PDB file of all heavy atoms in Angstrom:
ATOM      1  N   HIS A   1       0.833  -1.212   0.000  1.00  0.00           N
ATOM      2  CA  HIS A   1       0.000   0.000   0.000  1.00  0.00           C
ATOM      3  C   HIS A   1       0.865   1.258   0.000  1.00  0.00           C
ATOM      4  O   HIS A   1       0.611   2.191  -0.784  1.00  0.00           O
ATOM      5  CB  HIS A   1      -0.916  -0.002   1.227  1.00  0.00           C
ATOM      6  CG  HIS A   1      -1.639   1.303   1.425  1.00  0.00           C
ATOM      7  ND1 HIS A   1      -2.700   1.688   0.632  1.00  0.00           N
ATOM      8  CD2 HIS A   1      -1.428   2.332   2.312  1.00  0.00           C
ATOM      9  CE1 HIS A   1      -3.121   2.880   1.007  1.00  0.00           C
ATOM     10  NE2 HIS A   1      -2.365   3.298   2.026  1.00  0.00           N
ATOM     11  N   ALA A   2       1.868   1.289   0.858  1.00  0.00           N
ATOM     12  CA  ALA A   2       2.735   2.459   0.933  1.00  0.00           C
ATOM     13  C   ALA A   2       3.437   2.697  -0.399  1.00  0.00           C
ATOM     14  O   ALA A   2       3.542   3.837  -0.873  1.00  0.00           O
ATOM     15  CB  ALA A   2       3.761   2.283   2.055  1.00  0.00           C
ATOM     16  N   ALA A   3       3.906   1.616  -1.015  1.00  0.00           N
ATOM     17  CA  ALA A   3       4.587   1.739  -2.303  1.00  0.00           C
ATOM     18  C   ALA A   3       3.641   2.262  -3.375  1.00  0.00           C
ATOM     19  O   ALA A   3       4.014   3.111  -4.203  1.00  0.00           O
ATOM     20  CB  ALA A   3       5.163   0.384  -2.720  1.00  0.00           C
ATOM     21  N   GLY A   4       2.406   1.775  -3.352  1.00  0.00           N
ATOM     22  CA  GLY A   4       1.424   2.230  -4.328  1.00  0.00           C
ATOM     23  C   GLY A   4       1.093   3.706  -4.169  1.00  0.00           C
ATOM     24  O   GLY A   4       0.971   4.441  -5.159  1.00  0.00           O
ATOM     25  N   GLU A   5       0.960   4.150  -2.906  1.00  0.00           N
ATOM     26  CA  GLU A   5       0.671   5.555  -2.647  1.00  0.00           C
ATOM     27  C   GLU A   5       1.823   6.444  -3.132  1.00  0.00           C
ATOM     28  O   GLU A   5       1.598   7.474  -3.774  1.00  0.00           O
ATOM     29  CB  GLU A   5       0.445   5.766  -1.144  1.00  0.00           C
ATOM     30  CG  GLU A   5      -0.812   5.107  -0.608  1.00  0.00           C
ATOM     31  CD  GLU A   5      -2.071   5.817  -1.066  1.00  0.00           C
ATOM     32  OE1 GLU A   5      -2.400   6.862  -0.482  1.00  0.00           O
ATOM     33  OE2 GLU A   5      -2.712   5.331  -2.029  1.00  0.00           O
ATOM     34  N   PHE A   6       3.048   6.034  -2.799  1.00  0.00           N
ATOM     35  CA  PHE A   6       4.219   6.815  -3.215  1.00  0.00           C
ATOM     36  C   PHE A   6       4.301   6.883  -4.739  1.00  0.00           C
ATOM     37  O   PHE A   6       4.532   7.961  -5.315  1.00  0.00           O
ATOM     38  CB  PHE A   6       5.495   6.205  -2.651  1.00  0.00           C
ATOM     39  CG  PHE A   6       6.751   6.880  -3.140  1.00  0.00           C
ATOM     40  CD1 PHE A   6       7.126   8.122  -2.662  1.00  0.00           C
ATOM     41  CD2 PHE A   6       7.553   6.271  -4.102  1.00  0.00           C
ATOM     42  CE1 PHE A   6       8.273   8.751  -3.121  1.00  0.00           C
ATOM     43  CE2 PHE A   6       8.694   6.893  -4.572  1.00  0.00           C
ATOM     44  CZ  PHE A   6       9.059   8.143  -4.086  1.00  0.00           C
ATOM     45  N   HIS A   7       4.109   5.754  -5.387  1.00  0.00           N
ATOM     46  CA  HIS A   7       4.206   5.710  -6.843  1.00  0.00           C
ATOM     47  C   HIS A   7       3.135   6.584  -7.488  1.00  0.00           C
ATOM     48  O   HIS A   7       3.398   7.272  -8.483  1.00  0.00           O
ATOM     49  CB  HIS A   7       4.073   4.268  -7.318  1.00  0.00           C
ATOM     50  CG  HIS A   7       4.255   4.085  -8.786  1.00  0.00           C
ATOM     51  ND1 HIS A   7       5.460   4.259  -9.425  1.00  0.00           N
ATOM     52  CD2 HIS A   7       3.366   3.750  -9.765  1.00  0.00           C
ATOM     53  CE1 HIS A   7       5.324   4.032 -10.713  1.00  0.00           C
ATOM     54  NE2 HIS A   7       4.056   3.726 -10.952  1.00  0.00           N
ATOM     55  N   HIS A   8       1.938   6.566  -6.902  1.00  0.00           N
ATOM     56  CA  HIS A   8       0.842   7.365  -7.455  1.00  0.00           C
ATOM     57  C   HIS A   8       1.163   8.858  -7.355  1.00  0.00           C
ATOM     58  O   HIS A   8       0.965   9.616  -8.321  1.00  0.00           O
ATOM     59  CB  HIS A   8      -0.443   7.048  -6.686  1.00  0.00           C
ATOM     60  CG  HIS A   8      -1.675   7.669  -7.272  1.00  0.00           C
ATOM     61  ND1 HIS A   8      -2.071   7.461  -8.570  1.00  0.00           N
ATOM     62  CD2 HIS A   8      -2.595   8.514  -6.731  1.00  0.00           C
ATOM     63  CE1 HIS A   8      -3.191   8.126  -8.822  1.00  0.00           C
ATOM     64  NE2 HIS A   8      -3.516   8.789  -7.715  1.00  0.00           N
ATOM     65  N   VAL A   9       1.672   9.281  -6.197  1.00  0.00           N
ATOM     66  CA  VAL A   9       2.018  10.689  -6.022  1.00  0.00           C
ATOM     67  C   VAL A   9       3.186  11.075  -6.933  1.00  0.00           C
ATOM     68  O   VAL A   9       3.206  12.177  -7.507  1.00  0.00           O
ATOM     69  CB  VAL A   9       2.365  10.977  -4.544  1.00  0.00           C
ATOM     70  CG1 VAL A   9       2.839  12.414  -4.372  1.00  0.00           C
ATOM     71  CG2 VAL A   9       1.152  10.724  -3.656  1.00  0.00           C
ATOM     72  N   ALA A  10       4.148  10.167  -7.082  1.00  0.00           N
ATOM     73  CA  ALA A  10       5.291  10.449  -7.959  1.00  0.00           C
ATOM     74  C   ALA A  10       4.831  10.642  -9.397  1.00  0.00           C
ATOM     75  O   ALA A  10       5.354  11.510 -10.120  1.00  0.00           O
ATOM     76  CB  ALA A  10       6.303   9.307  -7.869  1.00  0.00           C
ATOM     77  N   ARG A  11       3.846   9.857  -9.831  1.00  0.00           N
ATOM     78  CA  ARG A  11       3.298  10.021 -11.189  1.00  0.00           C
ATOM     79  C   ARG A  11       2.622  11.381 -11.329  1.00  0.00           C
ATOM     80  O   ARG A  11       2.720  12.047 -12.364  1.00  0.00           O
ATOM     81  CB  ARG A  11       2.314   8.905 -11.504  1.00  0.00           C
ATOM     82  CG  ARG A  11       2.966   7.546 -11.737  1.00  0.00           C
ATOM     83  CD  ARG A  11       1.930   6.451 -11.952  1.00  0.00           C
ATOM     84  NE  ARG A  11       1.210   6.643 -13.196  1.00  0.00           N
ATOM     85  CZ  ARG A  11      -0.110   6.828 -13.287  1.00  0.00           C
ATOM     86  NH1 ARG A  11      -0.836   6.867 -12.181  1.00  0.00           N
ATOM     87  NH2 ARG A  11      -0.693   6.972 -14.443  1.00  0.00           N
ATOM     88  N   MET A  12       1.917  11.787 -10.281  1.00  0.00           N
ATOM     89  CA  MET A  12       1.270  13.099 -10.310  1.00  0.00           C
ATOM     90  C   MET A  12       2.311  14.204 -10.431  1.00  0.00           C
ATOM     91  O   MET A  12       2.127  15.181 -11.169  1.00  0.00           O
ATOM     92  CB  MET A  12       0.437  13.310  -9.048  1.00  0.00           C
ATOM     93  CG  MET A  12      -0.843  12.507  -8.986  1.00  0.00           C
ATOM     94  SD  MET A  12      -1.789  12.893  -7.490  1.00  0.00           S
ATOM     95  CE  MET A  12      -3.275  11.905  -7.781  1.00  0.00           C
ATOM     96  N   ALA A  13       3.403  14.045  -9.688  1.00  0.00           N
ATOM     97  CA  ALA A  13       4.460  15.056  -9.734  1.00  0.00           C
ATOM     98  C   ALA A  13       5.070  15.163 -11.122  1.00  0.00           C
ATOM     99  O   ALA A  13       5.535  16.237 -11.527  1.00  0.00           O
ATOM    100  CB  ALA A  13       5.538  14.726  -8.709  1.00  0.00           C
ATOM    101  N   ARG A  14       5.051  14.043 -11.842  1.00  0.00           N
ATOM    102  CA  ARG A  14       5.595  14.048 -13.215  1.00  0.00           C
ATOM    103  C   ARG A  14       4.536  14.455 -14.238  1.00  0.00           C
ATOM    104  O   ARG A  14       4.807  14.482 -15.445  1.00  0.00           O
ATOM    105  CB  ARG A  14       6.142  12.661 -13.555  1.00  0.00           C
ATOM    106  CG  ARG A  14       7.362  12.253 -12.748  1.00  0.00           C
ATOM    107  CD  ARG A  14       8.034  11.025 -13.330  1.00  0.00           C
ATOM    108  NE  ARG A  14       7.182   9.851 -13.296  1.00  0.00           N
ATOM    109  CZ  ARG A  14       7.164   8.952 -12.304  1.00  0.00           C
ATOM    110  NH1 ARG A  14       7.950   9.124 -11.248  1.00  0.00           N
ATOM    111  NH2 ARG A  14       6.366   7.902 -12.358  1.00  0.00           N
ATOM    112  N   GLY A  15       3.304  14.712 -13.761  1.00  0.00           N
ATOM    113  CA  GLY A  15       2.234  15.132 -14.663  1.00  0.00           C
ATOM    114  C   GLY A  15       1.672  14.021 -15.509  1.00  0.00           C
ATOM    115  O   GLY A  15       1.127  14.271 -16.589  1.00  0.00           O
ATOM    116  N   GLN A  16       1.758  12.783 -15.036  1.00  0.00           N
ATOM    117  CA  GLN A  16       1.281  11.632 -15.806  1.00  0.00           C
ATOM    118  C   GLN A  16      -0.164  11.293 -15.440  1.00  0.00           C
ATOM    119  O   GLN A  16      -0.441  10.780 -14.354  1.00  0.00           O
ATOM    120  CB  GLN A  16       2.182  10.423 -15.562  1.00  0.00           C
ATOM    121  CG  GLN A  16       3.612  10.621 -16.028  1.00  0.00           C
ATOM    122  CD  GLN A  16       4.481   9.427 -15.697  1.00  0.00           C
ATOM    123  OE1 GLN A  16       4.184   8.619 -14.841  1.00  0.00           O
ATOM    124  NE2 GLN A  16       5.600   9.320 -16.401  1.00  0.00           N
ATOM    125  N   ARG A  17      -1.090  11.607 -16.307  1.00  0.00           N
ATOM    126  CA  ARG A  17      -2.501  11.255 -16.163  1.00  0.00           C
ATOM    127  C   ARG A  17      -3.069  11.659 -14.808  1.00  0.00           C
ATOM    128  O   ARG A  17      -3.691  10.868 -14.105  1.00  0.00           O
ATOM    129  CB  ARG A  17      -2.695   9.750 -16.376  1.00  0.00           C
ATOM    130  CG  ARG A  17      -2.365   9.276 -17.770  1.00  0.00           C
ATOM    131  CD  ARG A  17      -2.739   7.824 -17.939  1.00  0.00           C
ATOM    132  NE  ARG A  17      -4.173   7.641 -17.796  1.00  0.00           N
ATOM    133  CZ  ARG A  17      -4.777   6.452 -17.758  1.00  0.00           C
ATOM    134  NH1 ARG A  17      -4.057   5.348 -17.821  1.00  0.00           N
ATOM    135  NH2 ARG A  17      -6.085   6.361 -17.644  1.00  0.00           N
ATOM    136  N   THR A  18      -2.855  12.884 -14.413  1.00  0.00           N
ATOM    137  CA  THR A  18      -3.388  13.352 -13.136  1.00  0.00           C
ATOM    138  C   THR A  18      -4.690  14.108 -13.373  1.00  0.00           C
ATOM    139  O   THR A  18      -4.776  14.925 -14.293  1.00  0.00           O
ATOM    140  CB  THR A  18      -2.393  14.276 -12.433  1.00  0.00           C
ATOM    141  OG1 THR A  18      -2.126  15.400 -13.276  1.00  0.00           O
ATOM    142  CG2 THR A  18      -1.096  13.547 -12.135  1.00  0.00           C
ATOM    143  N   PRO A  19      -5.720  13.849 -12.552  1.00  0.00           N
ATOM    144  CA  PRO A  19      -7.008  14.532 -12.737  1.00  0.00           C
ATOM    145  C   PRO A  19      -6.992  15.951 -12.165  1.00  0.00           C
ATOM    146  O   PRO A  19      -7.723  16.291 -11.232  1.00  0.00           O
ATOM    147  CB  PRO A  19      -7.974  13.633 -11.966  1.00  0.00           C
ATOM    148  CG  PRO A  19      -7.147  13.008 -10.893  1.00  0.00           C
ATOM    149  CD  PRO A  19      -5.785  12.835 -11.490  1.00  0.00           C
ATOM    150  N   GLY A  20      -6.118  16.790 -12.718  1.00  0.00           N
ATOM    151  CA  GLY A  20      -6.055  18.184 -12.298  1.00  0.00           C
ATOM    152  C   GLY A  20      -5.320  18.422 -11.004  1.00  0.00           C
ATOM    153  O   GLY A  20      -5.445  19.495 -10.401  1.00  0.00           O
ATOM    154  N   ILE A  21      -4.528  17.443 -10.548  1.00  0.00           N
ATOM    155  CA  ILE A  21      -3.813  17.578  -9.281  1.00  0.00           C
ATOM    156  C   ILE A  21      -2.337  17.855  -9.569  1.00  0.00           C
ATOM    157  O   ILE A  21      -1.703  17.141 -10.346  1.00  0.00           O
ATOM    158  CB  ILE A  21      -3.944  16.298  -8.430  1.00  0.00           C
ATOM    159  CG1 ILE A  21      -5.418  16.010  -8.138  1.00  0.00           C
ATOM    160  CG2 ILE A  21      -3.170  16.426  -7.125  1.00  0.00           C
ATOM    161  CD1 ILE A  21      -5.661  14.680  -7.456  1.00  0.00           C
ATOM    162  N   SER A  22      -1.802  18.889  -8.912  1.00  0.00           N
ATOM    163  CA  SER A  22      -0.385  19.200  -9.053  1.00  0.00           C
ATOM    164  C   SER A  22       0.282  19.052  -7.694  1.00  0.00           C
ATOM    165  O   SER A  22      -0.214  19.590  -6.694  1.00  0.00           O
ATOM    166  CB  SER A  22      -0.192  20.637  -9.562  1.00  0.00           C
ATOM    167  OG  SER A  22      -0.777  20.785 -10.843  1.00  0.00           O
ATOM    168  N   VAL A  23       1.381  18.318  -7.642  1.00  0.00           N
ATOM    169  CA  VAL A  23       2.113  18.124  -6.390  1.00  0.00           C
ATOM    170  C   VAL A  23       3.606  18.238  -6.666  1.00  0.00           C
ATOM    171  O   VAL A  23       4.067  18.074  -7.797  1.00  0.00           O
ATOM    172  CB  VAL A  23       1.820  16.740  -5.754  1.00  0.00           C
ATOM    173  CG1 VAL A  23       0.358  16.616  -5.367  1.00  0.00           C
ATOM    174  CG2 VAL A  23       2.209  15.609  -6.703  1.00  0.00           C
ATOM    175  N   ALA A  24       4.357  18.505  -5.592  1.00  0.00           N
ATOM    176  CA  ALA A  24       5.813  18.539  -5.715  1.00  0.00           C
ATOM    177  C   ALA A  24       6.339  17.109  -5.711  1.00  0.00           C
ATOM    178  O   ALA A  24       5.644  16.170  -5.309  1.00  0.00           O
ATOM    179  CB  ALA A  24       6.410  19.324  -4.554  1.00  0.00           C
ATOM    180  N   ALA A  25       7.559  16.937  -6.169  1.00  0.00           N
ATOM    181  CA  ALA A  25       8.164  15.606  -6.199  1.00  0.00           C
ATOM    182  C   ALA A  25       8.240  15.044  -4.782  1.00  0.00           C
ATOM    183  O   ALA A  25       8.773  15.695  -3.879  1.00  0.00           O
ATOM    184  CB  ALA A  25       9.553  15.677  -6.817  1.00  0.00           C
ATOM    185  N   PRO A  26       7.710  13.828  -4.550  1.00  0.00           N
ATOM    186  CA  PRO A  26       7.703  13.256  -3.203  1.00  0.00           C
ATOM    187  C   PRO A  26       9.026  12.570  -2.881  1.00  0.00           C
ATOM    188  O   PRO A  26       9.837  12.291  -3.762  1.00  0.00           O
ATOM    189  CB  PRO A  26       6.575  12.231  -3.274  1.00  0.00           C
ATOM    190  CG  PRO A  26       6.630  11.733  -4.692  1.00  0.00           C
ATOM    191  CD  PRO A  26       7.026  12.944  -5.516  1.00  0.00           C
ATOM    192  N   SER A  27       9.225  12.304  -1.597  1.00  0.00           N
ATOM    193  CA  SER A  27      10.366  11.511  -1.162  1.00  0.00           C
ATOM    194  C   SER A  27       9.839  10.369  -0.307  1.00  0.00           C
ATOM    195  O   SER A  27       8.710  10.425   0.196  1.00  0.00           O
ATOM    196  CB  SER A  27      11.359  12.363  -0.367  1.00  0.00           C
ATOM    197  OG  SER A  27      10.742  12.876   0.801  1.00  0.00           O
ATOM    198  N   PHE A  28      10.665   9.349  -0.132  1.00  0.00           N
ATOM    199  CA  PHE A  28      10.226   8.191   0.641  1.00  0.00           C
ATOM    200  C   PHE A  28      11.316   7.795   1.623  1.00  0.00           C
ATOM    201  O   PHE A  28      12.493   7.736   1.272  1.00  0.00           O
ATOM    202  CB  PHE A  28       9.915   7.008  -0.288  1.00  0.00           C
ATOM    203  CG  PHE A  28       9.419   5.787   0.456  1.00  0.00           C
ATOM    204  CD1 PHE A  28       8.110   5.711   0.870  1.00  0.00           C
ATOM    205  CD2 PHE A  28      10.279   4.745   0.757  1.00  0.00           C
ATOM    206  CE1 PHE A  28       7.649   4.610   1.575  1.00  0.00           C
ATOM    207  CE2 PHE A  28       9.839   3.633   1.452  1.00  0.00           C
ATOM    208  CZ  PHE A  28       8.513   3.571   1.863  1.00  0.00           C
ATOM    209  N   ASP A  29      10.906   7.508   2.858  1.00  0.00           N
ATOM    210  CA  ASP A  29      11.817   7.077   3.910  1.00  0.00           C
ATOM    211  C   ASP A  29      11.299   5.750   4.447  1.00  0.00           C
ATOM    212  O   ASP A  29      10.208   5.692   5.033  1.00  0.00           O
ATOM    213  CB  ASP A  29      11.880   8.130   5.016  1.00  0.00           C
ATOM    214  CG  ASP A  29      12.977   7.833   6.049  1.00  0.00           C
ATOM    215  OD1 ASP A  29      13.367   6.660   6.170  1.00  0.00           O
ATOM    216  OD2 ASP A  29      13.418   8.778   6.724  1.00  0.00           O
ATOM    217  N   LEU A  30      12.065   4.693   4.249  1.00  0.00           N
ATOM    218  CA  LEU A  30      11.619   3.359   4.646  1.00  0.00           C
ATOM    219  C   LEU A  30      11.527   3.210   6.166  1.00  0.00           C
ATOM    220  O   LEU A  30      10.725   2.419   6.663  1.00  0.00           O
ATOM    221  CB  LEU A  30      12.567   2.304   4.065  1.00  0.00           C
ATOM    222  CG  LEU A  30      12.080   0.861   4.008  1.00  0.00           C
ATOM    223  CD1 LEU A  30      10.716   0.746   3.349  1.00  0.00           C
ATOM    224  CD2 LEU A  30      13.101  -0.004   3.266  1.00  0.00           C
ATOM    225  N   GLY A  31      12.318   3.983   6.908  1.00  0.00           N
ATOM    226  CA  GLY A  31      12.302   3.878   8.364  1.00  0.00           C
ATOM    227  C   GLY A  31      10.940   4.184   8.971  1.00  0.00           C
ATOM    228  O   GLY A  31      10.355   3.351   9.677  1.00  0.00           O
ATOM    229  N   PRO A  32      10.374   5.385   8.723  1.00  0.00           N
ATOM    230  CA  PRO A  32       9.042   5.689   9.242  1.00  0.00           C
ATOM    231  C   PRO A  32       7.965   4.746   8.708  1.00  0.00           C
ATOM    232  O   PRO A  32       7.000   4.446   9.410  1.00  0.00           O
ATOM    233  CB  PRO A  32       8.801   7.128   8.759  1.00  0.00           C
ATOM    234  CG  PRO A  32      10.163   7.700   8.602  1.00  0.00           C
ATOM    235  CD  PRO A  32      11.012   6.567   8.127  1.00  0.00           C
TER     236      PRO A  32
END
């Protein structure tokens, strides 16, 4: 689930098929 969420946000940051949502490039920390 965490990987899917991160990947989805990363796609949005790259402007790939986003439904009008703009976000900054995300980062991921495996520890938390």
